[in-house]
C-alpha atoms as a PDB file:
ATOM      1  CA  MET A   1     -19.294  28.138   2.876  1.00  0.00           C
ATOM      2  CA  GLY A   2     -17.232  25.155   1.662  1.00  0.00           C
ATOM      3  CA  TYR A   3     -13.903  26.528   2.936  1.00  0.00           C
ATOM      4  CA  PRO A   4     -14.819  26.736   6.685  1.00  0.00           C
ATOM      5  CA  PHE A   5     -16.531  23.351   6.410  1.00  0.00           C
ATOM      6  CA  PHE A   6     -13.312  21.831   4.991  1.00  0.00           C
ATOM      7  CA  HIS A   7     -11.283  23.270   7.884  1.00  0.00           C
ATOM      8  CA  LYS A   8     -13.760  21.784  10.341  1.00  0.00           C
ATOM      9  CA  ILE A   9     -13.291  18.328   8.782  1.00  0.00           C
ATOM     10  CA  VAL A  10      -9.498  18.658   8.977  1.00  0.00           C
ATOM     11  CA  PHE A  11      -9.698  19.785  12.628  1.00  0.00           C
ATOM     12  CA  VAL A  12     -11.867  16.808  13.633  1.00  0.00           C
ATOM     13  CA  CYS A  13      -9.666  14.327  11.743  1.00  0.00           C
ATOM     14  CA  THR A  14      -6.534  15.856  13.239  1.00  0.00           C
ATOM     15  CA  THR A  15      -7.897  15.450  16.769  1.00  0.00           C
ATOM     16  CA  LEU A  16      -8.731  11.810  16.117  1.00  0.00           C
ATOM     17  CA  LEU A  17      -5.474  11.008  14.377  1.00  0.00           C
ATOM     18  CA  LEU A  18      -3.290  12.504  17.079  1.00  0.00           C
ATOM     19  CA  SER A  19      -4.939  10.043  19.446  1.00  0.00           C
ATOM     20  CA  PHE A  20      -4.400   7.211  16.963  1.00  0.00           C
ATOM     21  CA  LYS A  21      -0.564   7.514  16.837  1.00  0.00           C
ATOM     22  CA  GLY A  22      -0.204   5.500  13.621  1.00  0.00           C
ATOM     23  CA  ILE A  23       0.020   1.816  12.739  1.00  0.00           C
ATOM     24  CA  SER A  24       3.664   1.340  11.764  1.00  0.00           C
ATOM     25  CA  GLN A  25       4.995   4.811  11.031  1.00  0.00           C
ATOM     26  CA  PRO A  26       5.320   8.267  12.630  1.00  0.00           C
ATOM     27  CA  TYR A  27       2.426   9.601  10.565  1.00  0.00           C
ATOM     28  CA  VAL A  28      -1.079   8.841   9.334  1.00  0.00           C
ATOM     29  CA  ASP A  29      -2.449   9.889   5.943  1.00  0.00           C
ATOM     30  CA  ILE A  30      -6.087  10.964   6.018  1.00  0.00           C
ATOM     31  CA  VAL A  31      -5.994  10.950   2.215  1.00  0.00           C
ATOM     32  CA  ASN A  32      -3.178   9.673   0.014  1.00  0.00           C
ATOM     33  CA  THR A  33      -3.208   9.474  -3.776  1.00  0.00           C
ATOM     34  CA  SER A  34      -0.368   8.626  -6.148  1.00  0.00           C
ATOM     35  CA  ALA A  35       0.590   7.391  -9.618  1.00  0.00           C
ATOM     36  CA  GLN A  36       3.449   4.978 -10.266  1.00  0.00           C
ATOM     37  CA  SER A  37       4.830   4.305 -13.741  1.00  0.00           C
ATOM     38  CA  LEU A  38       7.472   2.112 -15.347  1.00  0.00           C
ATOM     39  CA  GLN A  39       8.522   1.117 -18.849  1.00  0.00           C
ATOM     40  CA  SER A  40      10.082  -2.240 -19.592  1.00  0.00           C
ATOM     41  CA  ASN A  41      10.544  -4.950 -22.218  1.00  0.00           C
ATOM     42  CA  TYR A  42       8.763  -8.269 -22.428  1.00  0.00           C
ATOM     43  CA  LYS A  43      10.772 -11.484 -22.347  1.00  0.00           C
ATOM     44  CA  ASP A  44       9.480 -12.532 -25.786  1.00  0.00           C
ATOM     45  CA  ALA A  45      10.904 -13.004 -29.275  1.00  0.00           C
ATOM     46  CA  ILE A  46       9.271  -9.978 -30.940  1.00  0.00           C
ATOM     47  CA  ASN A  47      10.733  -7.167 -28.782  1.00  0.00           C
ATOM     48  CA  SER A  48       7.427  -6.150 -27.214  1.00  0.00           C
ATOM     49  CA  LYS A  49       7.433  -3.078 -25.001  1.00  0.00           C
ATOM     50  CA  ASN A  50       5.574  -2.769 -21.699  1.00  0.00           C
ATOM     51  CA  THR A  51       4.166   0.272 -19.937  1.00  0.00           C
ATOM     52  CA  THR A  52       2.667  -0.257 -16.491  1.00  0.00           C
ATOM     53  CA  THR A  53       0.935   2.491 -14.517  1.00  0.00           C
ATOM     54  CA  ASN A  54      -0.521   2.137 -11.020  1.00  0.00           C
ATOM     55  CA  TYR A  55      -3.013   4.625  -9.579  1.00  0.00           C
ATOM     56  CA  PHE A  56      -3.625   4.465  -5.825  1.00  0.00           C
ATOM     57  CA  LEU A  57      -6.102   6.073  -3.405  1.00  0.00           C
ATOM     58  CA  ASN A  58      -6.028   5.554   0.371  1.00  0.00           C
ATOM     59  CA  LEU A  59      -8.388   6.955   3.024  1.00  0.00           C
ATOM     60  CA  THR A  60      -8.118   6.502   6.807  1.00  0.00           C
ATOM     61  CA  ILE A  61     -10.821   7.257   9.375  1.00  0.00           C
ATOM     62  CA  PRO A  62      -9.953   6.498  13.024  1.00  0.00           C
ATOM     63  CA  LEU A  63     -12.879   6.805  15.455  1.00  0.00           C
ATOM     64  CA  VAL A  64     -11.705   7.220  19.031  1.00  0.00           C
ATOM     65  CA  ILE A  65     -13.887   5.322  21.526  1.00  0.00           C
ATOM     66  CA  ASP A  66     -11.835   6.190  24.620  1.00  0.00           C
ATOM     67  CA  SER A  67      -8.208   6.679  25.673  1.00  0.00           C
ATOM     68  CA  GLN A  68      -7.417   3.005  25.011  1.00  0.00           C
ATOM     69  CA  ASN A  69      -9.602   1.974  22.064  1.00  0.00           C
ATOM     70  CA  THR A  70      -9.915   3.272  18.507  1.00  0.00           C
ATOM     71  CA  ILE A  71     -12.022   1.915  15.643  1.00  0.00           C
ATOM     72  CA  ILE A  72     -10.065   1.964  12.381  1.00  0.00           C
ATOM     73  CA  ILE A  73     -11.859   2.306   9.025  1.00  0.00           C
ATOM     74  CA  ARG A  74      -9.783   2.444   5.867  1.00  0.00           C
ATOM     75  CA  PHE A  75     -10.399   2.441   2.126  1.00  0.00           C
ATOM     76  CA  TYR A  76      -7.878   1.397  -0.498  1.00  0.00           C
ATOM     77  CA  GLY A  77      -8.395   1.628  -4.239  1.00  0.00           C
ATOM     78  CA  GLU A  78      -6.046   0.625  -7.043  1.00  0.00           C
ATOM     79  CA  ASN A  79      -6.062   0.741 -10.839  1.00  0.00           C
ATOM     80  CA  LEU A  80      -3.312  -1.282 -12.557  1.00  0.00           C
ATOM     81  CA  GLN A  81      -3.022  -0.341 -16.233  1.00  0.00           C
ATOM     82  CA  SER A  82      -0.795  -2.515 -18.447  1.00  0.00           C
ATOM     83  CA  THR A  83       0.039  -1.963 -22.123  1.00  0.00           C
ATOM     84  CA  ILE A  84       1.880  -4.228 -24.564  1.00  0.00           C
ATOM     85  CA  LYS A  85       3.183  -2.726 -27.807  1.00  0.00           C
ATOM     86  CA  ASN A  86       5.095  -4.290 -30.692  1.00  0.00           C
ATOM     87  CA  ASP A  87       5.249  -4.139 -34.481  1.00  0.00           C
ATOM     88  CA  PHE A  88       2.014  -6.141 -34.831  1.00  0.00           C
ATOM     89  CA  TYR A  89      -0.441  -4.739 -32.275  1.00  0.00           C
ATOM     90  CA  THR A  90      -0.992  -2.634 -29.165  1.00  0.00           C
ATOM     91  CA  GLN A  91      -3.192  -3.795 -26.294  1.00  0.00           C
ATOM     92  CA  THR A  92      -4.100  -2.157 -22.976  1.00  0.00           C
ATOM     93  CA  ASN A  93      -5.911  -3.776 -20.079  1.00  0.00           C
ATOM     94  CA  ASN A  94      -6.995  -2.474 -16.669  1.00  0.00           C
ATOM     95  CA  LEU A  95      -7.274  -4.269 -13.330  1.00  0.00           C
ATOM     96  CA  TYR A  96      -8.920  -2.821 -10.221  1.00  0.00           C
ATOM     97  CA  SER A  97      -9.154  -3.568  -6.519  1.00  0.00           C
ATOM     98  CA  THR A  98     -11.128  -2.018  -3.683  1.00  0.00           C
ATOM     99  CA  LEU A  99     -10.280  -2.909  -0.098  1.00  0.00           C
ATOM    100  CA  LEU A 100     -12.157  -1.907   3.073  1.00  0.00           C
ATOM    101  CA  PRO A 101     -10.160  -2.803   6.222  1.00  0.00           C
ATOM    102  CA  ILE A 102     -12.202  -2.366   9.417  1.00  0.00           C
ATOM    103  CA  GLY A 103     -10.969  -3.132  12.914  1.00  0.00           C
ATOM    104  CA  LEU A 104      -9.932  -2.072  16.389  1.00  0.00           C
ATOM    105  CA  GLN A 105      -6.751  -0.781  17.983  1.00  0.00           C
ATOM    106  CA  HIS A 106      -6.344  -1.293  21.735  1.00  0.00           C
ATOM    107  CA  GLU A 107      -3.624   0.249  23.899  1.00  0.00           C
ATOM    108  CA  THR A 108      -2.953  -0.921  27.455  1.00  0.00           C
ATOM    109  CA  LYS A 109      -3.196   1.518  30.341  1.00  0.00           C
ATOM    110  CA  ASN A 110       0.554   1.582  30.896  1.00  0.00           C
ATOM    111  CA  LYS A 111       1.056   2.436  27.170  1.00  0.00           C
ATOM    112  CA  LYS A 112       3.522  -0.447  26.791  1.00  0.00           C
ATOM    113  CA  TRP A 113       1.408  -2.635  24.501  1.00  0.00           C
ATOM    114  CA  LYS A 114      -0.691  -1.824  21.470  1.00  0.00           C
ATOM    115  CA  PHE A 115      -2.802  -4.359  19.551  1.00  0.00           C
ATOM    116  CA  LEU A 116      -4.339  -3.872  16.114  1.00  0.00           C
ATOM    117  CA  GLY A 117      -6.774  -6.235  14.414  1.00  0.00           C
ATOM    118  CA  LEU A 118      -8.394  -5.705  11.007  1.00  0.00           C
ATOM    119  CA  VAL A 119     -10.880  -7.620   8.874  1.00  0.00           C
ATOM    120  CA  MET A 120     -10.181  -6.917   5.199  1.00  0.00           C
ATOM    121  CA  PRO A 121     -12.930  -7.632   2.595  1.00  0.00           C
ATOM    122  CA  LYS A 122     -11.771  -6.978  -0.964  1.00  0.00           C
ATOM    123  CA  LEU A 123     -13.067  -6.903  -4.542  1.00  0.00           C
ATOM    124  CA  SER A 124     -10.361  -7.448  -7.144  1.00  0.00           C
ATOM    125  CA  SER A 125     -11.077  -7.840 -10.864  1.00  0.00           C
ATOM    126  CA  ASP A 126     -10.951  -6.262 -14.298  1.00  0.00           C
ATOM    127  CA  PHE A 127     -14.672  -5.514 -13.673  1.00  0.00           C
ATOM    128  CA  LYS A 128     -15.580  -6.182 -17.310  1.00  0.00           C
ATOM    129  CA  ALA A 129     -18.438  -8.402 -16.160  1.00  0.00           C
ATOM    130  CA  LYS A 130     -21.009  -8.177 -13.377  1.00  0.00           C
ATOM    131  CA  ILE A 131     -19.458  -8.367  -9.904  1.00  0.00           C
ATOM    132  CA  SER A 132     -19.765 -11.848  -8.413  1.00  0.00           C
ATOM    133  CA  SER A 133     -18.373 -14.027  -5.638  1.00  0.00           C
ATOM    134  CA  TYR A 134     -15.467 -14.859  -7.961  1.00  0.00           C
ATOM    135  CA  ASP A 135     -14.209 -11.282  -7.445  1.00  0.00           C
ATOM    136  CA  LEU A 136     -14.328 -11.421  -3.624  1.00  0.00           C
ATOM    137  CA  GLN A 137     -11.393 -11.928  -1.278  1.00  0.00           C
ATOM    138  CA  VAL A 138     -11.431 -11.860   2.525  1.00  0.00           C
ATOM    139  CA  GLY A 139      -8.385 -11.355   4.717  1.00  0.00           C
ATOM    140  CA  GLY A 140      -7.170 -10.245   8.098  1.00  0.00           C
ATOM    141  CA  TYR A 141      -4.313  -8.352   9.738  1.00  0.00           C
ATOM    142  CA  GLY A 142      -3.076  -8.566  13.312  1.00  0.00           C
ATOM    143  CA  LEU A 143      -0.172  -6.659  14.846  1.00  0.00           C
ATOM    144  CA  ALA A 144       1.143  -6.344  18.410  1.00  0.00           C
ATOM    145  CA  THR A 145       3.509  -3.497  19.312  1.00  0.00           C
ATOM    146  CA  TYR A 146       5.643  -3.334  22.467  1.00  0.00           C
ATOM    147  CA  SER A 147       7.178   0.010  23.464  1.00  0.00           C
ATOM    148  CA  VAL A 148      10.592  -0.611  24.996  1.00  0.00           C
ATOM    149  CA  ASN A 149      10.954   3.125  25.580  1.00  0.00           C
ATOM    150  CA  LYS A 150       9.992   6.378  23.865  1.00  0.00           C
ATOM    151  CA  LYS A 151      12.484   5.755  21.064  1.00  0.00           C
ATOM    152  CA  LEU A 152      12.166   2.003  20.455  1.00  0.00           C
ATOM    153  CA  ARG A 153       9.163  -0.169  19.554  1.00  0.00           C
ATOM    154  CA  ILE A 154       9.091  -3.851  18.584  1.00  0.00           C
ATOM    155  CA  LYS A 155       6.282  -5.370  16.482  1.00  0.00           C
ATOM    156  CA  ALA A 156       5.074  -8.820  15.474  1.00  0.00           C
ATOM    157  CA  GLY A 157       1.957 -10.059  13.732  1.00  0.00           C
ATOM    158  CA  LEU A 158       0.367 -11.932  10.857  1.00  0.00           C
ATOM    159  CA  PHE A 159      -1.274 -11.043   7.554  1.00  0.00           C
ATOM    160  CA  TYR A 160      -3.671 -13.380   5.744  1.00  0.00           C
ATOM    161  CA  ASN A 161      -5.642 -13.089   2.518  1.00  0.00           C
ATOM    162  CA  LYS A 162      -7.665 -15.550   0.484  1.00  0.00           C
ATOM    163  CA  GLU A 163      -5.991 -14.842  -2.847  1.00  0.00           C
ATOM    164  CA  PHE A 164      -7.111 -16.312  -6.152  1.00  0.00           C
ATOM    165  CA  PHE A 165      -3.969 -18.458  -6.129  1.00  0.00           C
ATOM    166  CA  GLY A 166      -4.753 -19.840  -2.636  1.00  0.00           C
ATOM    167  CA  ASN A 167      -4.350 -19.019   1.056  1.00  0.00           C
ATOM    168  CA  PHE A 168      -1.642 -16.385   1.532  1.00  0.00           C
ATOM    169  CA  PHE A 169      -0.031 -16.060   4.982  1.00  0.00           C
ATOM    170  CA  VAL A 170       2.714 -13.536   5.795  1.00  0.00           C
ATOM    171  CA  PRO A 171       4.381 -13.418   9.268  1.00  0.00           C
ATOM    172  CA  LEU A 172       5.188  -9.824  10.244  1.00  0.00           C
ATOM    173  CA  VAL A 173       8.055  -8.395  12.300  1.00  0.00           C
ATOM    174  CA  GLY A 174       9.277  -4.857  12.758  1.00  0.00           C
ATOM    175  CA  VAL A 175      11.358  -2.408  14.754  1.00  0.00           C
ATOM    176  CA  ASP A 176      10.621   1.314  14.971  1.00  0.00           C
ATOM    177  CA  TRP A 177      13.670   3.232  16.170  1.00  0.00           C
ATOM    178  CA  ASP A 178      14.073   6.969  16.608  1.00  0.00           C
ATOM    179  CA  ALA A 179      17.852   6.863  16.209  1.00  0.00           C
ATOM    180  CA  THR A 180      18.181  10.660  16.545  1.00  0.00           C
ATOM    181  CA  ASP A 181      15.818  13.610  16.435  1.00  0.00           C
ATOM    182  CA  ARG A 182      16.293  13.575  12.629  1.00  0.00           C
ATOM    183  CA  LEU A 183      16.833   9.903  11.756  1.00  0.00           C
ATOM    184  CA  LYS A 184      14.003   7.340  12.037  1.00  0.00           C
ATOM    185  CA  LEU A 185      13.700   3.691  11.021  1.00  0.00           C
ATOM    186  CA  TYR A 186      10.197   2.211  10.888  1.00  0.00           C
ATOM    187  CA  GLY A 187       7.929  -0.295   9.213  1.00  0.00           C
ATOM    188  CA  VAL A 188       6.917  -3.942   9.144  1.00  0.00           C
ATOM    189  CA  LEU A 189       8.872  -6.585   7.257  1.00  0.00           C
ATOM    190  CA  PRO A 190       8.504  -8.125   4.757  1.00  0.00           C
ATOM    191  CA  THR A 191       5.872  -5.646   3.525  1.00  0.00           C
ATOM    192  CA  MET A 192       7.340  -2.155   4.066  1.00  0.00           C
ATOM    193  CA  TYR A 193      10.347  -0.568   5.753  1.00  0.00           C
ATOM    194  CA  ARG A 194      11.712   2.985   5.610  1.00  0.00           C
ATOM    195  CA  ILE A 195      14.847   4.828   6.723  1.00  0.00           C
ATOM    196  CA  GLU A 196      13.921   8.502   6.973  1.00  0.00           C
ATOM    197  CA  TYR A 197      16.075  11.582   7.545  1.00  0.00           C
ATOM    198  CA  ALA A 198      14.765  15.088   8.258  1.00  0.00           C
ATOM    199  CA  VAL A 199      16.873  17.469   6.153  1.00  0.00           C
ATOM    200  CA  VAL A 200      14.716  20.368   7.292  1.00  0.00           C
ATOM    201  CA  LYS A 201      12.345  19.474  10.137  1.00  0.00           C
ATOM    202  CA  GLN A 202       8.667  19.770   9.252  1.00  0.00           C
ATOM    203  CA  LYS A 203       9.647  20.710   5.669  1.00  0.00           C
ATOM    204  CA  LEU A 204      11.880  18.219   3.847  1.00  0.00           C
ATOM    205  CA  TYR A 205      12.408  14.485   4.461  1.00  0.00           C
ATOM    206  CA  VAL A 206      14.445  12.014   2.400  1.00  0.00           C
ATOM    207  CA  GLY A 207      15.286   8.355   2.725  1.00  0.00           C
ATOM    208  CA  LEU A 208      15.385   4.795   1.452  1.00  0.00           C
ATOM    209  CA  ALA A 209      12.520   2.299   1.442  1.00  0.00           C
ATOM    210  CA  PHE A 210      11.659  -1.309   0.718  1.00  0.00           C
ATOM    211  CA  LYS A 211       8.230  -2.564  -0.361  1.00  0.00           C
ATOM    212  CA  SER A 212       6.809  -6.028  -0.990  1.00  0.00           C
ATOM    213  CA  TYR A 213       3.163  -6.359  -1.974  1.00  0.00           C
ATOM    214  CA  THR A 214       1.559  -9.467  -3.498  1.00  0.00           C
ATOM    215  CA  ARG A 215      -2.041  -9.420  -4.730  1.00  0.00           C
ATOM    216  CA  SER A 216      -4.260 -11.031  -7.367  1.00  0.00           C
ATOM    217  CA  TYR A 217      -7.106  -9.951  -9.663  1.00  0.00           C
ATOM    218  CA  ARG A 218      -9.882 -11.954 -11.318  1.00  0.00           C
ATOM    219  CA  LEU A 219     -10.182 -11.880 -15.120  1.00  0.00           C
ATOM    220  CA  SER A 220     -13.736 -11.669 -16.471  1.00  0.00           C
ATOM    221  CA  ASP A 221     -13.595 -14.646 -18.802  1.00  0.00           C
ATOM    222  CA  ALA A 222     -15.511 -17.914 -18.885  1.00  0.00           C
ATOM    223  CA  ASN A 223     -12.664 -19.714 -17.110  1.00  0.00           C
ATOM    224  CA  HIS A 224     -12.317 -17.246 -14.182  1.00  0.00           C
ATOM    225  CA  ASP A 225      -8.553 -17.049 -14.694  1.00  0.00           C
ATOM    226  CA  TYR A 226      -6.564 -14.527 -12.663  1.00  0.00           C
ATOM    227  CA  VAL A 227      -3.509 -12.261 -12.606  1.00  0.00           C
ATOM    228  CA  LYS A 228      -0.944 -12.490  -9.801  1.00  0.00           C
ATOM    229  CA  ASN A 229       1.102  -9.372  -9.115  1.00  0.00           C
ATOM    230  CA  ALA A 230       4.108  -9.955  -6.830  1.00  0.00           C
ATOM    231  CA  GLU A 231       5.625  -6.495  -6.456  1.00  0.00           C
ATOM    232  CA  LEU A 232       9.060  -6.152  -4.859  1.00  0.00           C
ATOM    233  CA  GLN A 233      10.913  -2.845  -4.972  1.00  0.00           C
ATOM    234  CA  VAL A 234      13.716  -0.791  -3.453  1.00  0.00           C
ATOM    235  CA  LYS A 235      13.531   2.975  -3.737  1.00  0.00           C
ATOM    236  CA  ALA A 236      14.590   6.411  -2.603  1.00  0.00           C
ATOM    237  CA  PHE A 237      11.960   8.949  -1.554  1.00  0.00           C
ATOM    238  CA  VAL A 238      11.505  12.675  -0.958  1.00  0.00           C
ATOM    239  CA  ASP A 239       8.669  14.201   1.095  1.00  0.00           C
ATOM    240  CA  VAL A 240       8.107  17.955   0.786  1.00  0.00           C
ATOM    241  CA  TYR A 241       5.629  19.564   3.202  1.00  0.00           C
ATOM    242  CA  ILE A 242       3.849  22.440   1.466  1.00  0.00           C
ATOM    243  CA  LYS A 243       1.905  23.132   4.627  1.00  0.00           C
ATOM    244  CA  LYS A 244       2.026  21.434   8.001  1.00  0.00           C
ATOM    245  CA  LYS A 245      -0.494  18.797   6.886  1.00  0.00           C
ATOM    246  CA  PHE A 246      -0.034  18.743   3.100  1.00  0.00           C
ATOM    247  CA  VAL A 247       2.855  16.810   1.583  1.00  0.00           C
ATOM    248  CA  LEU A 248       4.055  16.225  -1.960  1.00  0.00           C
ATOM    249  CA  PHE A 249       6.087  13.036  -2.278  1.00  0.00           C
ATOM    250  CA  ALA A 250       8.156  11.367  -4.971  1.00  0.00           C
ATOM    251  CA  GLU A 251       9.832   7.964  -5.163  1.00  0.00           C
ATOM    252  CA  PHE A 252      12.390   6.557  -7.579  1.00  0.00           C
ATOM    253  CA  GLY A 253      13.425   2.928  -7.509  1.00  0.00           C
ATOM    254  CA  ARG A 254      13.951  -0.440  -9.119  1.00  0.00           C
ATOM    255  CA  THR A 255      11.692  -3.472  -9.361  1.00  0.00           C
ATOM    256  CA  ILE A 256      12.945  -6.944  -8.394  1.00  0.00           C
ATOM    257  CA  GLY A 257      11.376  -9.876 -10.267  1.00  0.00           C
ATOM    258  CA  TYR A 258       8.289  -7.815 -11.140  1.00  0.00           C
ATOM    259  CA  SER A 259       5.755  -9.191 -13.643  1.00  0.00           C
ATOM    260  CA  PRO A 260       1.940  -9.200 -13.395  1.00  0.00           C
ATOM    261  CA  LEU A 261       1.331 -12.737 -14.719  1.00  0.00           C
ATOM    262  CA  ALA A 262      -1.907 -14.433 -15.834  1.00  0.00           C
ATOM    263  CA  TYR A 263      -2.685 -17.925 -14.485  1.00  0.00           C
ATOM    264  CA  LEU A 264      -5.340 -20.549 -15.154  1.00  0.00           C
ATOM    265  CA  TYR A 265      -8.210 -20.794 -12.647  1.00  0.00           C
ATOM    266  CA  GLN A 266      -7.304 -22.580  -9.388  1.00  0.00           C
ATOM    267  CA  THR A 267      -3.844 -23.483 -10.686  1.00  0.00           C
ATOM    268  CA  LYS A 268      -0.321 -22.042 -10.760  1.00  0.00           C
ATOM    269  CA  THR A 269      -0.025 -22.652 -14.510  1.00  0.00           C
ATOM    270  CA  GLU A 270       0.593 -19.560 -16.621  1.00  0.00           C
ATOM    271  CA  ALA A 271      -2.209 -18.563 -18.998  1.00  0.00           C
ATOM    272  CA  ARG A 272      -0.070 -17.860 -22.041  1.00  0.00           C
ATOM    273  CA  TYR A 273      -3.007 -16.699 -24.185  1.00  0.00           C
ATOM    274  CA  ILE A 274      -2.879 -13.244 -22.510  1.00  0.00           C
ATOM    275  CA  PRO A 275       0.404 -11.660 -23.716  1.00  0.00           C
ATOM    276  CA  VAL A 276      -0.125  -8.373 -21.850  1.00  0.00           C
ATOM    277  CA  TYR A 277       0.272 -10.367 -18.610  1.00  0.00           C
ATOM    278  CA  SER A 278       3.424 -12.286 -19.509  1.00  0.00           C
ATOM    279  CA  LYS A 279       6.957 -11.908 -18.128  1.00  0.00           C
ATOM    280  CA  ILE A 280       8.704  -8.542 -18.328  1.00  0.00           C
ATOM    281  CA  GLN A 281      12.197  -7.410 -17.411  1.00  0.00           C
ATOM    282  CA  ASP A 282      12.939  -5.498 -14.223  1.00  0.00           C
ATOM    283  CA  ALA A 283      12.938  -1.739 -14.667  1.00  0.00           C
ATOM    284  CA  PHE A 284      13.220   1.600 -12.912  1.00  0.00           C
ATOM    285  CA  PHE A 285       9.981   3.235 -11.801  1.00  0.00           C
ATOM    286  CA  PHE A 286       8.808   6.656 -10.636  1.00  0.00           C
ATOM    287  CA  ASN A 287       5.984   7.407  -8.233  1.00  0.00           C
ATOM    288  CA  VAL A 288       4.516  10.817  -7.361  1.00  0.00           C
ATOM    289  CA  GLY A 289       1.673  11.696  -5.031  1.00  0.00           C
ATOM    290  CA  LEU A 290      -0.066  14.051  -2.656  1.00  0.00           C
ATOM    291  CA  ALA A 291      -1.239  13.402   0.897  1.00  0.00           C
ATOM    292  CA  LEU A 292      -3.129  15.072   3.705  1.00  0.00           C
ATOM    293  CA  ARG A 293      -0.851  13.834   6.497  1.00  0.00           C
ATOM    294  CA  ILE A 294      -0.674  14.081  10.275  1.00  0.00           C
ATOM    295  CA  ARG A 295       2.719  13.435  11.874  1.00  0.00           C
ATOM    296  CA  ASN A 296       3.165  12.516  15.527  1.00  0.00           C
ATOM    297  CA  ASP A 297       6.496  14.375  15.750  1.00  0.00           C
ATOM    298  CA  PHE A 298       5.200  17.759  14.532  1.00  0.00           C
ATOM    299  CA  LYS A 299       4.620  20.332  17.234  1.00  0.00           C
END
């Protein structure tokens, strides 16, 4: 009984997603889960080692109202696990965030313009204490896309989030270009951009990518201190489609200035009493995942 029911869910989601057309890429992931890991050294005097592992889960539910309007509901979950190890002790700590973007996408009748607006409530903490207003963040995302022609789209917008270190504004710009029937460039800078090449259409895709993602997490202590994680990375990726809608993906890259750092409450002063969240050296990382994905360019 479960198997036909699963196919029914996939069919309904596929119908909706093909109408959605994607936010900033030629595909939409209904479900996406991955694990990213790196090993590095701390910038301390006792040769401490660092292991950082990120677990991610993303869900997307577009609800088509009519030919021009679609309600977008998304869920994003993250677990950031950091370990410090040296000759004296080993310590591991976990940080979590749950994000629920909800909004509307509107496309004009002539299909030239597309507007997306999202409200983004978020809980971000180590969740060692009872959830409170100290763990809450509220943000927003707005993006306008202009279709020059079938192969070229220009985008501009703004991202905002009330981080624990203050108001965080990020202007957004992007160009999606179908250079050939195999080569695509897409994304929104400065957050994410990809150059993708279809080695075997509908089977194997490779490319290069850039990612910048800054976020913060509340620490459950009496002072309400926080961790800021400014993640900047360049990477190569491989997407292998097992089936038309199921993809295994892997990424290998290098961090740039990456260190989840602890800060004192409502300041930009480092909280040096938490060594697991002190400065580390840049390192190579590896990310693997699985997605239930709908691509616009698959027949």
